[in-house]
Amino acid sequence: MHHHTNTACIEACLACLSSCEHCATEDIRIGAELALCAQLCRDCADFCALCARLQARDSQFMNEFCALCAKVCDACGAECEKHAMHHDHCRECAEACRHCAVECRKMVAA
């Protein structure tokens, strides 16, 4: 697989990474009621960063990691969605997570 075929997934991972970092930071500022959301966002950001790096280097493990990244994005997106009505950063993060999960699954299916 060539790097140019991974571009959409890499971009989705990087966008999700950014949204998750922002969401986690805002969650921490808000307080304990968003502690699980912040934790999942931080985990998701780390997974997305590694997933993007593995794809950029065409790692032999990228498909397995994309599948796992999609699961983490699903979990993070579901948690953020619970708070989306009250917090824009959670809504934006949930959207980024959903998009990243879709792109990761496309990579696995390719």
N, C-alpha and C. Protein backbone atom coordinates (compact mmCIF):
# COMPACT_ATOMS: atom_id res chain seq x y z
N MET A 1 0.84 -1.18 0.00
CA MET A 1 0.00 0.00 0.00
C MET A 1 0.89 1.24 0.00
N HIS A 2 0.52 2.20 -0.80
CA HIS A 2 1.30 3.44 -0.89
C HIS A 2 0.69 4.51 0.00
N HIS A 3 1.55 5.37 0.48
CA HIS A 3 1.14 6.42 1.41
C HIS A 3 -0.03 7.24 0.89
N HIS A 4 -0.06 7.55 -0.41
CA HIS A 4 -1.13 8.42 -0.92
C HIS A 4 -2.52 7.80 -0.77
N THR A 5 -2.61 6.48 -0.68
CA THR A 5 -3.91 5.86 -0.49
C THR A 5 -4.39 5.97 0.96
N ASN A 6 -3.49 6.32 1.85
CA ASN A 6 -3.82 6.44 3.28
C ASN A 6 -4.19 7.86 3.67
N THR A 7 -4.10 8.79 2.76
CA THR A 7 -4.22 10.22 3.10
C THR A 7 -5.51 10.55 3.86
N ALA A 8 -6.64 10.07 3.40
CA ALA A 8 -7.90 10.41 4.07
C ALA A 8 -7.92 9.89 5.50
N CYS A 9 -7.41 8.70 5.70
CA CYS A 9 -7.41 8.14 7.06
C CYS A 9 -6.40 8.86 7.94
N ILE A 10 -5.24 9.16 7.41
CA ILE A 10 -4.24 9.91 8.19
C ILE A 10 -4.80 11.26 8.60
N GLU A 11 -5.44 11.96 7.65
CA GLU A 11 -6.03 13.27 7.96
C GLU A 11 -7.14 13.15 9.01
N ALA A 12 -7.96 12.10 8.90
CA ALA A 12 -9.03 11.90 9.89
C ALA A 12 -8.44 11.62 11.27
N CYS A 13 -7.37 10.82 11.31
CA CYS A 13 -6.71 10.53 12.59
C CYS A 13 -6.14 11.80 13.21
N LEU A 14 -5.51 12.62 12.40
CA LEU A 14 -4.91 13.85 12.93
C LEU A 14 -5.97 14.84 13.38
N ALA A 15 -7.08 14.93 12.65
CA ALA A 15 -8.18 15.81 13.06
C ALA A 15 -8.81 15.30 14.36
N CYS A 16 -8.95 13.99 14.48
CA CYS A 16 -9.51 13.41 15.71
C CYS A 16 -8.56 13.64 16.88
N LEU A 17 -7.28 13.45 16.65
CA LEU A 17 -6.26 13.72 17.67
C LEU A 17 -6.43 15.14 18.21
N SER A 18 -6.52 16.10 17.32
CA SER A 18 -6.65 17.50 17.72
C SER A 18 -7.95 17.74 18.50
N SER A 19 -9.05 17.21 18.00
CA SER A 19 -10.34 17.39 18.69
C SER A 19 -10.34 16.73 20.06
N CYS A 20 -9.74 15.55 20.15
CA CYS A 20 -9.69 14.85 21.43
C CYS A 20 -8.83 15.59 22.45
N GLU A 21 -7.70 16.12 22.01
CA GLU A 21 -6.85 16.88 22.94
C GLU A 21 -7.58 18.12 23.45
N HIS A 22 -8.27 18.80 22.54
CA HIS A 22 -9.03 19.99 22.94
C HIS A 22 -10.16 19.61 23.90
N CYS A 23 -10.87 18.56 23.56
CA CYS A 23 -11.99 18.13 24.41
C CYS A 23 -11.50 17.73 25.81
N ALA A 24 -10.42 16.97 25.86
CA ALA A 24 -9.88 16.55 27.16
C ALA A 24 -9.48 17.75 28.00
N THR A 25 -8.85 18.73 27.37
CA THR A 25 -8.44 19.93 28.09
C THR A 25 -9.65 20.67 28.65
N GLU A 26 -10.68 20.82 27.85
CA GLU A 26 -11.90 21.49 28.32
C GLU A 26 -12.60 20.68 29.40
N ASP A 27 -12.63 19.36 29.23
CA ASP A 27 -13.25 18.50 30.25
C ASP A 27 -12.56 18.65 31.59
N ILE A 28 -11.24 18.69 31.58
CA ILE A 28 -10.47 18.84 32.82
C ILE A 28 -10.78 20.18 33.47
N ARG A 29 -10.92 21.21 32.67
CA ARG A 29 -11.26 22.54 33.21
C ARG A 29 -12.64 22.55 33.84
N ILE A 30 -13.56 21.80 33.26
CA ILE A 30 -14.94 21.77 33.77
C ILE A 30 -15.01 21.02 35.09
N GLY A 31 -14.35 19.88 35.18
CA GLY A 31 -14.32 19.18 36.46
C GLY A 31 -14.61 17.70 36.40
N ALA A 32 -14.82 17.15 37.58
CA ALA A 32 -14.91 15.71 37.78
C ALA A 32 -16.04 15.05 37.00
N GLU A 33 -17.13 15.77 36.74
CA GLU A 33 -18.25 15.13 36.05
C GLU A 33 -17.89 14.71 34.62
N LEU A 34 -16.80 15.24 34.08
CA LEU A 34 -16.36 14.86 32.74
C LEU A 34 -15.03 14.09 32.76
N ALA A 35 -14.71 13.50 33.90
CA ALA A 35 -13.43 12.79 34.04
C ALA A 35 -13.32 11.60 33.08
N LEU A 36 -14.37 10.82 32.94
CA LEU A 36 -14.32 9.68 32.02
C LEU A 36 -14.17 10.16 30.58
N CYS A 37 -14.87 11.21 30.24
CA CYS A 37 -14.77 11.78 28.90
C CYS A 37 -13.32 12.23 28.63
N ALA A 38 -12.73 12.91 29.58
CA ALA A 38 -11.34 13.37 29.41
C ALA A 38 -10.39 12.19 29.25
N GLN A 39 -10.59 11.16 30.05
CA GLN A 39 -9.72 9.98 29.97
C GLN A 39 -9.84 9.30 28.61
N LEU A 40 -11.05 9.10 28.13
CA LEU A 40 -11.24 8.48 26.82
C LEU A 40 -10.67 9.36 25.70
N CYS A 41 -10.83 10.65 25.82
CA CYS A 41 -10.27 11.56 24.82
C CYS A 41 -8.75 11.47 24.77
N ARG A 42 -8.13 11.40 25.91
CA ARG A 42 -6.67 11.29 25.95
C ARG A 42 -6.21 9.96 25.35
N ASP A 43 -6.91 8.88 25.68
CA ASP A 43 -6.58 7.58 25.08
C ASP A 43 -6.77 7.63 23.56
N CYS A 44 -7.88 8.18 23.13
CA CYS A 44 -8.18 8.25 21.71
C CYS A 44 -7.14 9.08 20.96
N ALA A 45 -6.75 10.20 21.55
CA ALA A 45 -5.72 11.05 20.92
C ALA A 45 -4.43 10.27 20.72
N ASP A 46 -4.04 9.49 21.72
CA ASP A 46 -2.82 8.68 21.60
C ASP A 46 -2.95 7.62 20.52
N PHE A 47 -4.09 6.95 20.48
CA PHE A 47 -4.31 5.93 19.45
C PHE A 47 -4.30 6.56 18.06
N CYS A 48 -4.95 7.69 17.90
CA CYS A 48 -5.00 8.35 16.59
C CYS A 48 -3.60 8.78 16.14
N ALA A 49 -2.80 9.29 17.06
CA ALA A 49 -1.45 9.72 16.71
C ALA A 49 -0.62 8.54 16.22
N LEU A 50 -0.68 7.43 16.94
CA LEU A 50 0.09 6.26 16.53
C LEU A 50 -0.46 5.68 15.23
N CYS A 51 -1.75 5.66 15.08
CA CYS A 51 -2.37 5.14 13.86
C CYS A 51 -1.90 5.96 12.65
N ALA A 52 -1.88 7.26 12.76
CA ALA A 52 -1.41 8.11 11.66
C ALA A 52 0.05 7.83 11.35
N ARG A 53 0.88 7.69 12.37
CA ARG A 53 2.30 7.40 12.15
C ARG A 53 2.51 6.05 11.47
N LEU A 54 1.79 5.03 11.92
CA LEU A 54 1.93 3.71 11.33
C LEU A 54 1.51 3.70 9.86
N GLN A 55 0.47 4.44 9.55
CA GLN A 55 0.04 4.53 8.16
C GLN A 55 1.04 5.30 7.31
N ALA A 56 1.59 6.36 7.85
CA ALA A 56 2.54 7.18 7.10
C ALA A 56 3.77 6.36 6.70
N ARG A 57 4.12 5.38 7.52
CA ARG A 57 5.29 4.56 7.20
C ARG A 57 4.90 3.21 6.59
N ASP A 58 3.62 3.04 6.26
CA ASP A 58 3.11 1.79 5.68
C ASP A 58 3.51 0.58 6.53
N SER A 59 3.32 0.70 7.81
CA SER A 59 3.66 -0.38 8.74
C SER A 59 2.87 -1.64 8.43
N GLN A 60 3.50 -2.76 8.62
CA GLN A 60 2.81 -4.04 8.43
C GLN A 60 1.69 -4.23 9.44
N PHE A 61 1.67 -3.44 10.50
CA PHE A 61 0.67 -3.55 11.55
C PHE A 61 -0.46 -2.53 11.43
N MET A 62 -0.43 -1.70 10.39
CA MET A 62 -1.39 -0.58 10.35
C MET A 62 -2.84 -1.04 10.25
N ASN A 63 -3.14 -2.10 9.55
CA ASN A 63 -4.54 -2.53 9.45
C ASN A 63 -5.08 -3.00 10.79
N GLU A 64 -4.30 -3.77 11.51
CA GLU A 64 -4.74 -4.22 12.83
C GLU A 64 -4.90 -3.02 13.77
N PHE A 65 -4.00 -2.08 13.65
CA PHE A 65 -4.08 -0.90 14.51
C PHE A 65 -5.25 -0.01 14.11
N CYS A 66 -5.53 0.10 12.81
CA CYS A 66 -6.69 0.88 12.37
C CYS A 66 -7.98 0.29 12.93
N ALA A 67 -8.07 -1.03 12.97
CA ALA A 67 -9.27 -1.67 13.52
C ALA A 67 -9.42 -1.33 15.00
N LEU A 68 -8.33 -1.38 15.74
CA LEU A 68 -8.37 -1.04 17.16
C LEU A 68 -8.65 0.46 17.35
N CYS A 69 -8.05 1.28 16.53
CA CYS A 69 -8.29 2.73 16.62
C CYS A 69 -9.77 3.04 16.39
N ALA A 70 -10.40 2.35 15.46
CA ALA A 70 -11.83 2.56 15.21
C ALA A 70 -12.64 2.24 16.45
N LYS A 71 -12.29 1.18 17.16
CA LYS A 71 -13.00 0.81 18.39
C LYS A 71 -12.83 1.88 19.47
N VAL A 72 -11.61 2.40 19.59
CA VAL A 72 -11.35 3.45 20.58
C VAL A 72 -12.13 4.71 20.21
N CYS A 73 -12.13 5.05 18.92
CA CYS A 73 -12.89 6.22 18.46
C CYS A 73 -14.38 6.04 18.74
N ASP A 74 -14.91 4.84 18.54
CA ASP A 74 -16.31 4.58 18.85
C ASP A 74 -16.61 4.83 20.32
N ALA A 75 -15.75 4.34 21.19
CA ALA A 75 -15.96 4.51 22.63
C ALA A 75 -15.87 5.98 23.03
N CYS A 76 -14.87 6.66 22.51
CA CYS A 76 -14.71 8.08 22.84
C CYS A 76 -15.88 8.89 22.28
N GLY A 77 -16.24 8.63 21.05
CA GLY A 77 -17.36 9.35 20.44
C GLY A 77 -18.67 9.14 21.18
N ALA A 78 -18.90 7.91 21.64
CA ALA A 78 -20.12 7.63 22.40
C ALA A 78 -20.15 8.39 23.72
N GLU A 79 -19.00 8.46 24.39
CA GLU A 79 -18.94 9.21 25.66
C GLU A 79 -19.12 10.70 25.41
N CYS A 80 -18.45 11.22 24.41
CA CYS A 80 -18.58 12.66 24.10
C CYS A 80 -20.01 13.00 23.71
N GLU A 81 -20.65 12.10 22.99
CA GLU A 81 -22.03 12.34 22.56
C GLU A 81 -22.96 12.55 23.76
N LYS A 82 -22.68 11.90 24.87
CA LYS A 82 -23.50 12.06 26.09
C LYS A 82 -23.49 13.51 26.58
N HIS A 83 -22.45 14.25 26.28
CA HIS A 83 -22.29 15.62 26.79
C HIS A 83 -22.46 16.67 25.69
N ALA A 84 -22.77 16.22 24.48
CA ALA A 84 -22.77 17.11 23.32
C ALA A 84 -23.81 18.22 23.39
N MET A 85 -24.92 17.97 24.07
CA MET A 85 -25.96 19.01 24.17
C MET A 85 -25.49 20.20 24.99
N HIS A 86 -24.61 19.96 25.94
CA HIS A 86 -24.19 21.02 26.86
C HIS A 86 -22.81 21.57 26.57
N HIS A 87 -22.03 20.83 25.78
CA HIS A 87 -20.64 21.24 25.54
C HIS A 87 -20.28 21.08 24.06
N ASP A 88 -20.04 22.20 23.40
CA ASP A 88 -19.69 22.17 21.98
C ASP A 88 -18.43 21.36 21.71
N HIS A 89 -17.46 21.44 22.62
CA HIS A 89 -16.21 20.70 22.39
C HIS A 89 -16.47 19.19 22.36
N CYS A 90 -17.42 18.72 23.15
CA CYS A 90 -17.77 17.30 23.13
C CYS A 90 -18.49 16.93 21.83
N ARG A 91 -19.37 17.80 21.36
CA ARG A 91 -20.06 17.55 20.10
C ARG A 91 -19.07 17.47 18.95
N GLU A 92 -18.14 18.42 18.91
CA GLU A 92 -17.14 18.43 17.84
C GLU A 92 -16.23 17.20 17.92
N CYS A 93 -15.89 16.79 19.11
CA CYS A 93 -15.05 15.62 19.30
C CYS A 93 -15.78 14.36 18.87
N ALA A 94 -17.05 14.24 19.23
CA ALA A 94 -17.84 13.07 18.83
C ALA A 94 -17.89 12.95 17.31
N GLU A 95 -18.06 14.08 16.63
CA GLU A 95 -18.09 14.08 15.17
C GLU A 95 -16.75 13.64 14.59
N ALA A 96 -15.67 14.15 15.14
CA ALA A 96 -14.33 13.78 14.67
C ALA A 96 -14.06 12.30 14.92
N CYS A 97 -14.50 11.80 16.06
CA CYS A 97 -14.31 10.38 16.38
C CYS A 97 -15.09 9.50 15.41
N ARG A 98 -16.32 9.87 15.13
CA ARG A 98 -17.13 9.08 14.19
C ARG A 98 -16.49 9.04 12.81
N HIS A 99 -16.01 10.18 12.35
CA HIS A 99 -15.38 10.25 11.03
C HIS A 99 -14.10 9.42 11.00
N CYS A 100 -13.30 9.52 12.04
CA CYS A 100 -12.06 8.75 12.11
C CYS A 100 -12.34 7.26 12.12
N ALA A 101 -13.34 6.83 12.86
CA ALA A 101 -13.69 5.41 12.91
C ALA A 101 -14.08 4.90 11.52
N VAL A 102 -14.84 5.70 10.78
CA VAL A 102 -15.24 5.32 9.42
C VAL A 102 -14.01 5.17 8.53
N GLU A 103 -13.11 6.15 8.59
CA GLU A 103 -11.91 6.11 7.74
C GLU A 103 -10.99 4.95 8.12
N CYS A 104 -10.87 4.68 9.41
CA CYS A 104 -10.05 3.55 9.85
C CYS A 104 -10.63 2.23 9.35
N ARG A 105 -11.94 2.10 9.41
CA ARG A 105 -12.57 0.87 8.92
C ARG A 105 -12.40 0.72 7.41
N LYS A 106 -12.41 1.84 6.69
CA LYS A 106 -12.15 1.78 5.24
C LYS A 106 -10.75 1.25 4.97
N MET A 107 -9.78 1.67 5.78
CA MET A 107 -8.41 1.20 5.60
C MET A 107 -8.33 -0.30 5.84
N VAL A 108 -9.02 -0.77 6.84
CA VAL A 108 -8.99 -2.20 7.15
C VAL A 108 -9.62 -3.00 6.02
N ALA A 109 -10.69 -2.47 5.44
CA ALA A 109 -11.41 -3.17 4.37
C ALA A 109 -10.65 -3.13 3.04
N ALA A 110 -9.75 -2.17 2.88
CA ALA A 110 -9.05 -2.02 1.59
C ALA A 110 -8.08 -3.15 1.31
